[in-house]
Protein backbone atom coordinates (compact mmCIF):
# COMPACT_ATOMS: atom_id res chain seq x y z
CA VAL A 1 0.06 -0.09 0.07
CA THR A 2 2.79 2.36 0.89
CA ALA A 3 4.49 1.66 -2.49
CA GLY A 4 1.34 2.31 -4.23
CA PHE A 5 0.83 5.67 -2.29
CA PHE A 6 4.08 7.21 -2.51
CA GLY A 7 5.78 5.13 -5.33
CA GLY A 8 2.95 4.46 -7.72
CA GLY A 9 3.81 7.41 -9.94
CA SER A 10 7.53 6.29 -10.12
CA ARG A 11 6.63 2.79 -10.84
CA ALA A 12 4.19 3.83 -13.64
CA ALA A 13 6.72 6.15 -15.06
CA GLY A 14 9.51 3.31 -15.06
CA ASP A 15 7.20 0.85 -16.69
CA ALA A 16 5.61 3.34 -19.16
CA ASP A 17 7.38 1.57 -22.02
CA ASP A 18 6.11 -2.03 -21.19
CA ALA A 19 2.60 -0.69 -20.13
CA ALA A 20 2.38 1.32 -23.41
CA ALA A 21 3.42 -1.67 -25.56
CA ALA A 22 1.08 -4.14 -23.84
CA GLY A 23 -1.78 -1.78 -23.99
CA ALA A 24 -1.28 -1.42 -27.80
CA ALA A 25 -0.73 -5.14 -28.38
CA SER A 26 -3.68 -6.40 -26.09
CA GLY A 27 -6.06 -3.60 -26.96
CA ILE A 28 -6.54 -2.40 -23.36
CA ARG A 29 -8.81 0.60 -23.35
CA TYR A 30 -7.34 3.86 -21.80
CA ARG A 31 -9.35 6.15 -19.85
CA PRO A 32 -11.00 9.06 -21.65
CA ALA A 33 -8.98 11.45 -19.83
CA TYR A 34 -5.63 9.72 -20.59
CA ARG A 35 -6.76 9.31 -24.29
CA HIS A 36 -7.15 13.20 -24.32
CA LEU A 37 -3.83 13.52 -22.91
CA LEU A 38 -2.14 11.48 -25.81
CA GLU A 39 -4.24 13.37 -28.37
CA ALA A 40 -3.02 16.61 -26.83
CA HIS A 41 0.62 15.46 -27.42
CA GLY A 42 -0.03 14.47 -30.83
CA ILE A 43 -0.11 10.67 -30.07
CA ASP A 44 -2.73 8.32 -31.47
CA PRO A 45 -4.42 6.59 -28.40
CA ASP A 46 -5.41 3.59 -30.58
CA GLU A 47 -1.76 2.74 -31.57
CA PRO A 48 0.33 4.47 -29.26
CA ASP A 49 4.31 4.42 -29.89
CA PRO A 50 5.91 3.40 -26.70
CA VAL A 51 8.89 5.54 -27.05
CA GLU A 52 6.80 8.51 -27.98
CA VAL A 53 4.47 7.94 -24.97
CA SER A 54 7.37 7.63 -22.47
CA ALA A 55 9.12 10.76 -23.75
CA LYS A 56 5.92 13.12 -24.18
CA VAL A 57 3.71 11.76 -21.48
CA GLU A 58 5.07 9.53 -18.74
CA ARG A 59 8.71 10.54 -18.18
CA THR A 60 8.01 14.37 -18.04
CA TRP A 61 8.59 16.82 -15.21
CA ALA A 62 5.00 17.83 -15.44
CA ARG A 63 3.89 14.34 -14.78
CA ARG A 64 6.34 13.76 -11.95
CA ALA A 65 5.41 17.08 -10.49
CA ARG A 66 1.82 16.42 -10.55
CA LEU A 67 2.32 12.89 -8.78
CA PHE A 68 4.41 14.71 -6.23
CA LEU A 69 2.06 17.34 -5.47
CA SER A 70 -0.77 14.85 -4.95
CA SER A 71 1.42 12.92 -2.50
CA CYS A 72 2.10 16.12 -0.60
CA THR A 73 -1.71 16.77 -0.52
CA ILE A 74 -2.43 13.38 1.05
CA ALA A 75 0.60 13.89 3.53
CA ALA A 76 -0.78 17.17 4.52
CA SER A 77 -4.35 15.71 5.07
CA THR A 78 -2.97 13.03 7.44
CA VAL A 79 -1.28 15.80 9.41
CA VAL A 80 -4.62 17.50 9.66
CA VAL A 81 -6.02 14.18 11.22
CA ILE A 82 -3.01 14.49 13.99
CA VAL A 83 -3.84 18.17 14.76
CA ILE A 84 -7.63 17.15 15.07
CA LEU A 85 -6.77 14.31 17.32
CA VAL A 86 -4.73 16.63 19.64
CA LEU A 87 -7.51 19.24 19.58
CA ASN A 88 -10.03 16.45 20.51
CA ILE A 89 -7.71 15.45 23.47
CA MET A 90 -7.50 19.08 24.70
CA PHE A 91 -11.39 19.03 24.38
CA ARG A 92 -11.72 16.06 26.47
CA LEU A 93 -9.53 17.39 29.30
CA TRP A 94 -11.49 20.70 29.22
CA MET A 95 -14.94 18.78 29.34
CA SER A 96 -13.60 16.51 32.03
CA ARG A 97 -13.06 19.29 34.38
CA ILE A 98 -16.44 20.75 33.75
CA LEU A 99 -18.52 17.59 33.52
CA PRO A 100 -16.56 14.82 35.10
CA GLU A 101 -19.25 12.28 34.30
CA TYR A 102 -20.29 13.12 30.99
CA GLY A 103 -17.20 14.99 29.56
CA PRO A 104 -15.64 11.68 28.05
CA ILE A 105 -18.93 10.85 26.43
CA ALA A 106 -19.39 14.46 24.93
CA ALA A 107 -15.70 14.32 23.67
CA GLY A 108 -16.19 11.00 22.12
CA LEU A 109 -19.21 12.26 20.16
CA VAL A 110 -17.24 15.19 19.03
CA THR A 111 -14.52 12.92 17.96
CA GLY A 112 -16.67 10.47 16.07
CA VAL A 113 -18.58 13.50 14.25
CA SER A 114 -15.19 14.95 13.33
CA ILE A 115 -13.87 11.70 11.84
CA GLN A 116 -17.03 11.49 9.64
CA VAL A 117 -16.59 14.94 8.44
CA LEU A 118 -12.97 14.52 7.62
CA SER A 119 -13.68 11.26 6.07
CA MET A 120 -16.27 12.87 3.69
CA ALA A 121 -14.10 15.82 2.67
CA TYR A 122 -11.09 13.59 2.11
CA LYS A 123 -12.98 11.26 -0.19
CA THR A 124 -13.85 14.20 -2.49
CA ILE A 125 -10.10 15.44 -2.33
CA ALA A 126 -8.82 11.89 -3.24
CA THR A 127 -11.19 11.36 -6.02
CA ARG A 128 -10.11 14.63 -7.58
CA LEU A 129 -6.69 14.15 -6.99
CA THR A 130 -6.76 10.72 -8.60
CA GLU A 131 -8.78 12.13 -11.70
CA TRP A 132 -5.92 15.01 -11.99
CA GLU A 133 -3.13 12.46 -11.89
CA CYS A 134 -4.71 10.92 -15.04
CA TRP A 135 -3.87 7.12 -14.85
CA ARG A 136 -3.82 5.11 -18.08
CA THR A 137 -6.39 2.44 -17.21
CA ASP A 138 -9.37 2.15 -14.94
CA ALA A 139 -7.36 -0.61 -12.94
CA GLN A 140 -4.45 1.99 -12.05
CA HIS A 141 -7.12 4.63 -11.24
CA GLU A 142 -8.86 2.48 -8.81
CA ASP A 143 -5.57 1.17 -7.35
CA ALA A 144 -4.60 4.72 -6.85
CA LEU A 145 -7.62 5.67 -5.17
CA ILE A 146 -7.68 2.86 -2.84
CA ALA A 147 -4.29 3.38 -1.61
CA LYS A 148 -4.99 7.05 -0.97
CA VAL A 149 -8.22 6.20 1.05
CA PHE A 150 -6.87 3.32 2.81
CA VAL A 151 -3.80 5.42 4.20
CA PHE A 152 -6.15 8.11 5.36
CA GLU A 153 -8.80 6.09 6.87
CA VAL A 154 -6.45 4.19 8.86
CA PHE A 155 -5.16 7.27 10.46
CA ASN A 156 -8.47 8.94 10.63
CA ASN A 157 -10.47 6.05 12.07
CA TYR A 158 -7.97 4.43 14.56
CA SER A 159 -5.43 7.08 15.72
CA SER A 160 -7.51 8.09 18.66
CA LEU A 161 -8.28 4.37 19.52
CA PHE A 162 -4.53 3.71 19.10
CA TYR A 163 -3.83 6.58 21.46
CA ILE A 164 -6.20 5.60 24.07
CA ALA A 165 -5.28 1.87 24.00
CA PHE A 166 -1.51 2.08 23.93
CA VAL A 167 -0.45 5.59 24.62
CA ARG A 168 -2.35 7.16 27.24
CA ALA A 169 -1.51 4.92 29.92
CA HIS A 170 2.15 6.06 29.36
CA VAL A 171 1.47 9.49 28.08
CA ARG A 172 3.33 11.23 30.99
CA ALA A 173 6.49 9.05 30.43
CA VAL A 174 6.20 9.57 26.60
CA GLY A 175 5.80 13.45 27.13
CA ALA A 176 8.94 13.57 29.45
CA SER A 177 11.05 11.62 26.94
CA LEU A 178 9.83 14.18 24.30
CA GLY A 179 10.40 17.08 26.50
CA VAL A 180 6.68 17.88 26.64
CA LYS A 181 4.74 18.59 29.93
CA VAL A 182 1.59 16.33 30.18
CA LEU A 183 -1.00 17.02 32.71
CA LYS A 184 -1.64 14.42 35.19
CA SER A 185 -5.08 14.29 34.70
CA GLU A 186 -4.34 12.87 31.05
CA GLU A 187 -2.92 9.83 32.19
CA CYS A 188 -5.20 7.05 33.18
CA ALA A 189 -5.43 6.51 36.81
CA SER A 190 -6.17 2.77 36.36
CA ARG A 191 -6.41 0.34 33.68
CA TRP A 192 -10.23 0.38 34.02
CA GLU A 193 -10.26 4.08 33.20
CA CYS A 194 -8.39 3.49 29.94
CA GLU A 195 -10.80 0.58 28.89
CA ARG A 196 -13.74 2.59 29.75
CA ASP A 197 -12.73 5.54 27.60
CA LEU A 198 -11.78 3.22 24.78
CA GLU A 199 -15.13 1.68 24.99
CA LEU A 200 -16.81 5.06 24.98
CA GLN A 201 -14.62 6.16 22.08
CA LEU A 202 -15.43 3.07 20.00
CA ALA A 203 -19.07 3.49 20.75
CA SER A 204 -19.16 7.12 19.67
CA ILE A 205 -17.41 6.21 16.53
CA LEU A 206 -19.99 3.56 15.73
CA PHE A 207 -22.85 5.72 16.73
CA ALA A 208 -21.59 8.47 14.46
CA LYS A 209 -21.20 6.12 11.48
CA ALA A 210 -24.44 4.14 11.86
CA ILE A 211 -26.82 6.71 13.04
CA LEU A 212 -25.58 10.51 13.39
CA PHE A 213 -24.01 10.77 10.14
CA LYS A 214 -27.11 9.11 8.33
CA VAL A 215 -29.25 11.66 10.01
CA ILE A 216 -27.06 14.39 8.84
CA VAL A 217 -27.30 13.13 5.32
CA VAL A 218 -31.04 12.69 5.36
CA ALA A 219 -31.32 16.22 6.85
CA THR A 220 -29.06 17.71 4.36
CA VAL A 221 -31.00 16.20 1.35
CA ARG A 222 -34.40 17.39 2.77
CA LEU A 223 -32.96 20.75 3.68
CA THR A 224 -31.66 21.08 -0.08
CA ARG A 225 -35.13 20.08 -1.55
CA ASP A 226 -36.99 22.37 0.76
CA LEU A 227 -34.55 25.32 -0.14
CA GLY A 228 -35.10 24.42 -3.83
CA ARG A 229 -38.75 24.57 -3.58
CA PHE A 230 -38.83 27.85 -1.56
CA TYR A 231 -36.62 29.30 -4.32
CA ASN A 232 -38.83 28.06 -7.13
CA ARG A 233 -41.87 29.32 -5.36
CA PHE A 234 -40.93 32.73 -3.97
CA VAL A 235 -37.41 33.92 -5.01
CA SER A 236 -37.54 32.93 -8.59
CA PRO A 237 -40.70 34.81 -9.28
CA LEU A 238 -39.60 37.94 -7.43
CA VAL A 239 -36.41 38.04 -9.26
CA ASN A 240 -38.12 37.59 -12.70
CA SER A 241 -40.56 40.37 -11.67
CA LEU A 242 -37.94 42.63 -10.90
CA LEU A 243 -35.89 41.86 -14.16
CA ARG A 244 -39.25 42.58 -16.21
CA ARG A 245 -39.97 45.92 -14.40
CA ARG A 246 -36.23 46.94 -15.05
CA ALA A 247 -36.36 45.79 -18.69
CA GLN A 248 -39.62 48.11 -19.28
């Protein structure tokens, strides 16, 4: 997966000759965007010359820069997940001081919702980035998209659980080794406390995925529909009336 995520572009560029020759020989259908790219470089997409494809399309600085910028965007998105995780930890500490009994539950729900929002936003970004990379075949396109989504979803869905399960019980020792001062309240007072918080976090994530997120989607669809009806019934006639008066 790591090779497909970071090294997919280099591998694709390195195997351009063989892939193009195989595509021409076996009749593999190129994706429409890649066919347009070949035509833009004066290459016949039905009978591509491997050497010409390698020189004009695959082994170019523009192609490598596009793949590099895509990888940087994915890495930046992963960093955003880590930042959100730190903010959620700070929010949980603040809620634990205000509401000792319900603070962890509220913090878990916030984390679950943030995971779903980040997942939605990232899937849109990953889809557009994969289209922008302009892979030759549908199989390469799907492989690149799956690799991007897999790497991000692992960090997004499991980083908070990993922190509670393996780091939080020793967070003060980890902070001391890194030269960071950690509040005593962040460290689990007992193994039972860490297990309880892990259960609450997992339950919150499942609740956000199964119920809360679906409610948000349904509410968004209904709100969009109602706004469209309101626009067609009230706003559009008013605008048309004003335009007719101005024209007269």
